[in-house]
C-alpha atoms as a PDB file:
ATOM      1  CA  VAL A   1       0.000   0.000   0.000  1.00  0.00           C
ATOM      2  CA  GLN A   2       1.218   3.494  -0.861  1.00  0.00           C
ATOM      3  CA  LEU A   3      -0.118   6.967  -0.174  1.00  0.00           C
ATOM      4  CA  GLN A   4       0.875   9.648  -2.668  1.00  0.00           C
ATOM      5  CA  ALA A   5       0.352  13.243  -1.566  1.00  0.00           C
ATOM      6  CA  SER A   6       0.451  16.214  -3.917  1.00  0.00           C
ATOM      7  CA  GLY A   7      -0.670  19.804  -4.276  1.00  0.00           C
ATOM      8  CA  GLY A   8       1.665  21.708  -2.011  1.00  0.00           C
ATOM      9  CA  GLY A   9       3.452  24.869  -3.017  1.00  0.00           C
ATOM     10  CA  LEU A  10       4.275  28.480  -2.264  1.00  0.00           C
ATOM     11  CA  VAL A  11       1.362  30.913  -1.992  1.00  0.00           C
ATOM     12  CA  GLN A  12       0.684  34.345  -0.594  1.00  0.00           C
ATOM     13  CA  ALA A  13      -1.346  34.822   2.549  1.00  0.00           C
ATOM     14  CA  GLY A  14      -5.071  34.833   1.865  1.00  0.00           C
ATOM     15  CA  LYS A  15      -4.797  32.498  -1.119  1.00  0.00           C
ATOM     16  CA  SER A  16      -5.889  28.859  -1.455  1.00  0.00           C
ATOM     17  CA  LEU A  17      -4.358  25.474  -2.095  1.00  0.00           C
ATOM     18  CA  ARG A  18      -5.841  22.024  -2.534  1.00  0.00           C
ATOM     19  CA  LEU A  19      -3.947  18.963  -1.377  1.00  0.00           C
ATOM     20  CA  SER A  20      -4.660  15.455  -2.618  1.00  0.00           C
ATOM     21  CA  CYS A  21      -3.629  12.069  -1.277  1.00  0.00           C
ATOM     22  CA  ALA A  22      -4.316   8.886  -3.200  1.00  0.00           C
ATOM     23  CA  ALA A  23      -4.012   5.397  -1.734  1.00  0.00           C
ATOM     24  CA  SER A  24      -3.027   2.525  -3.997  1.00  0.00           C
ATOM     25  CA  GLY A  25      -2.175  -1.126  -3.675  1.00  0.00           C
ATOM     26  CA  SER A  26      -3.987  -4.147  -2.337  1.00  0.00           C
ATOM     27  CA  ILE A  27      -6.743  -2.314  -0.458  1.00  0.00           C
ATOM     28  CA  PHE A  28      -9.838  -3.987   0.901  1.00  0.00           C
ATOM     29  CA  SER A  29     -11.271  -1.002   2.733  1.00  0.00           C
ATOM     30  CA  ILE A  30     -10.284   2.349   4.214  1.00  0.00           C
ATOM     31  CA  ASN A  31     -11.569   3.710   7.500  1.00  0.00           C
ATOM     32  CA  ALA A  32     -10.217   7.092   8.574  1.00  0.00           C
ATOM     33  CA  MET A  33      -8.247   9.344   6.233  1.00  0.00           C
ATOM     34  CA  ASP A  34      -6.505  12.260   7.913  1.00  0.00           C
ATOM     35  CA  TRP A  35      -4.248  15.225   7.265  1.00  0.00           C
ATOM     36  CA  TYR A  36      -1.448  16.150   9.640  1.00  0.00           C
ATOM     37  CA  ARG A  37       1.166  18.872   9.450  1.00  0.00           C
ATOM     38  CA  GLN A  38       4.559  19.492  10.952  1.00  0.00           C
ATOM     39  CA  ALA A  39       6.169  22.901  11.091  1.00  0.00           C
ATOM     40  CA  PRO A  40       9.920  23.310  11.653  1.00  0.00           C
ATOM     41  CA  GLY A  41      10.811  22.657  15.276  1.00  0.00           C
ATOM     42  CA  LYS A  42       7.287  21.575  16.165  1.00  0.00           C
ATOM     43  CA  GLN A  43       5.522  18.281  16.692  1.00  0.00           C
ATOM     44  CA  ARG A  44       3.297  16.795  14.046  1.00  0.00           C
ATOM     45  CA  GLU A  45      -0.311  17.813  14.645  1.00  0.00           C
ATOM     46  CA  LEU A  46      -3.664  16.619  13.377  1.00  0.00           C
ATOM     47  CA  VAL A  47      -5.254  19.125  11.006  1.00  0.00           C
ATOM     48  CA  ALA A  48      -8.401  17.299   9.906  1.00  0.00           C
ATOM     49  CA  ASN A  49      -9.813  13.824   9.836  1.00  0.00           C
ATOM     50  CA  SER A  50     -12.493  12.079   7.858  1.00  0.00           C
ATOM     51  CA  HIS A  51     -14.179   8.852   8.864  1.00  0.00           C
ATOM     52  CA  SER A  52     -15.638   6.419   6.376  1.00  0.00           C
ATOM     53  CA  GLY A  53     -19.106   7.134   7.727  1.00  0.00           C
ATOM     54  CA  GLY A  54     -18.788  10.755   6.659  1.00  0.00           C
ATOM     55  CA  SER A  55     -17.983  12.560   9.901  1.00  0.00           C
ATOM     56  CA  THR A  56     -15.162  15.089   9.934  1.00  0.00           C
ATOM     57  CA  ASN A  57     -13.175  16.920  12.593  1.00  0.00           C
ATOM     58  CA  TYR A  58     -10.829  19.883  12.443  1.00  0.00           C
ATOM     59  CA  ALA A  59      -8.166  21.484  14.554  1.00  0.00           C
ATOM     60  CA  ASP A  60      -9.393  24.758  16.028  1.00  0.00           C
ATOM     61  CA  SER A  61      -6.708  26.648  14.129  1.00  0.00           C
ATOM     62  CA  VAL A  62      -8.150  25.676  10.728  1.00  0.00           C
ATOM     63  CA  LYS A  63     -11.887  25.540  11.386  1.00  0.00           C
ATOM     64  CA  GLY A  64     -13.816  27.587   8.875  1.00  0.00           C
ATOM     65  CA  ARG A  65     -10.839  27.780   6.495  1.00  0.00           C
ATOM     66  CA  PHE A  66      -9.967  24.160   5.647  1.00  0.00           C
ATOM     67  CA  THR A  67     -12.274  21.451   4.319  1.00  0.00           C
ATOM     68  CA  ILE A  68     -11.471  17.748   4.176  1.00  0.00           C
ATOM     69  CA  SER A  69     -13.285  15.560   1.676  1.00  0.00           C
ATOM     70  CA  ARG A  70     -13.006  12.081   0.196  1.00  0.00           C
ATOM     71  CA  ASP A  71     -13.631  10.273  -3.053  1.00  0.00           C
ATOM     72  CA  ASN A  72     -14.025   6.713  -1.832  1.00  0.00           C
ATOM     73  CA  ALA A  73     -14.193   5.317  -5.359  1.00  0.00           C
ATOM     74  CA  LYS A  74     -10.704   6.730  -5.978  1.00  0.00           C
ATOM     75  CA  ASN A  75      -9.353   6.036  -2.461  1.00  0.00           C
ATOM     76  CA  THR A  76      -8.425   9.697  -2.330  1.00  0.00           C
ATOM     77  CA  VAL A  77      -8.662  12.346   0.357  1.00  0.00           C
ATOM     78  CA  TYR A  78      -8.479  16.090  -0.293  1.00  0.00           C
ATOM     79  CA  LEU A  79      -7.744  19.115   1.851  1.00  0.00           C
ATOM     80  CA  GLN A  80      -9.066  22.413   0.526  1.00  0.00           C
ATOM     81  CA  MET A  81      -7.183  25.195   2.286  1.00  0.00           C
ATOM     82  CA  ASN A  82      -8.591  28.712   1.992  1.00  0.00           C
ATOM     83  CA  SER A  83      -7.531  32.001   3.545  1.00  0.00           C
ATOM     84  CA  LEU A  84      -4.072  30.635   4.171  1.00  0.00           C
ATOM     85  CA  LYS A  85      -1.906  32.238   6.831  1.00  0.00           C
ATOM     86  CA  PRO A  86       1.875  32.219   7.293  1.00  0.00           C
ATOM     87  CA  GLU A  87       1.381  30.029  10.362  1.00  0.00           C
ATOM     88  CA  ASP A  88      -0.061  27.327   8.090  1.00  0.00           C
ATOM     89  CA  THR A  89       3.424  26.836   6.662  1.00  0.00           C
ATOM     90  CA  ALA A  90       4.416  23.213   7.254  1.00  0.00           C
ATOM     91  CA  VAL A  91       4.927  19.842   5.650  1.00  0.00           C
ATOM     92  CA  TYR A  92       1.515  18.248   5.279  1.00  0.00           C
ATOM     93  CA  PHE A  93       1.144  14.481   5.611  1.00  0.00           C
ATOM     94  CA  CYS A  94      -1.799  12.235   4.898  1.00  0.00           C
ATOM     95  CA  ASN A  95      -2.563   9.170   6.964  1.00  0.00           C
ATOM     96  CA  ALA A  96      -5.059   6.429   6.275  1.00  0.00           C
ATOM     97  CA  GLN A  97      -6.323   3.449   8.245  1.00  0.00           C
ATOM     98  CA  ILE A  98      -6.360   0.689   5.636  1.00  0.00           C
ATOM     99  CA  SER A  99      -7.366  -2.962   5.701  1.00  0.00           C
ATOM    100  CA  THR A 100      -5.648  -5.299   3.269  1.00  0.00           C
ATOM    101  CA  ASN A 101      -6.758  -8.554   4.835  1.00  0.00           C
ATOM    102  CA  ARG A 102     -10.443  -8.008   5.678  1.00  0.00           C
ATOM    103  CA  VAL A 103      -9.535  -8.494   9.340  1.00  0.00           C
ATOM    104  CA  SER A 104      -7.607  -5.555  10.732  1.00  0.00           C
ATOM    105  CA  PHE A 105      -6.652  -1.971   9.904  1.00  0.00           C
ATOM    106  CA  GLN A 106      -3.176  -0.486   9.799  1.00  0.00           C
ATOM    107  CA  GLY A 107      -2.057   3.115   9.552  1.00  0.00           C
ATOM    108  CA  TYR A 108      -0.115   4.253   6.483  1.00  0.00           C
ATOM    109  CA  TRP A 109       1.622   7.601   5.907  1.00  0.00           C
ATOM    110  CA  GLY A 110       2.132   9.567   2.735  1.00  0.00           C
ATOM    111  CA  GLN A 111       5.467  11.167   1.939  1.00  0.00           C
ATOM    112  CA  GLY A 112       4.512  14.732   2.842  1.00  0.00           C
ATOM    113  CA  THR A 113       4.040  17.821   0.733  1.00  0.00           C
ATOM    114  CA  GLN A 114       5.427  21.259   1.580  1.00  0.00           C
ATOM    115  CA  VAL A 115       3.078  24.195   1.984  1.00  0.00           C
ATOM    116  CA  THR A 116       4.667  27.618   2.348  1.00  0.00           C
ATOM    117  CA  VAL A 117       2.581  30.732   2.921  1.00  0.00           C
ATOM    118  CA  SER A 118       4.300  34.081   2.503  1.00  0.00           C
ATOM    119  CA  SER A 119       3.106  37.232   4.242  1.00  0.00           C
END
């Protein structure tokens, strides 16, 4: 199983970016699909998560600005980031809870994509 993240880049404050993360491989089902971020010198933090049943949760710092969504047919999760701020600058990682054996789920990480917001 692999997770391939894309969509990062350099943008000015107030602009938008859309991240994508596609899971591939021998996948039976996917439960949660999440976005995390890690800024220089800081711990990795949860930005948003999306459960297979449709519920979503967001960190307080991004509520009202970021939207997580999924295309289950494509095993892909998106993060629409609007009104970006310099403090959103970080490497963004996707994580997915994936079952390959119809019995248990395991967490997989994508490779990370850099988001840089200039003031």
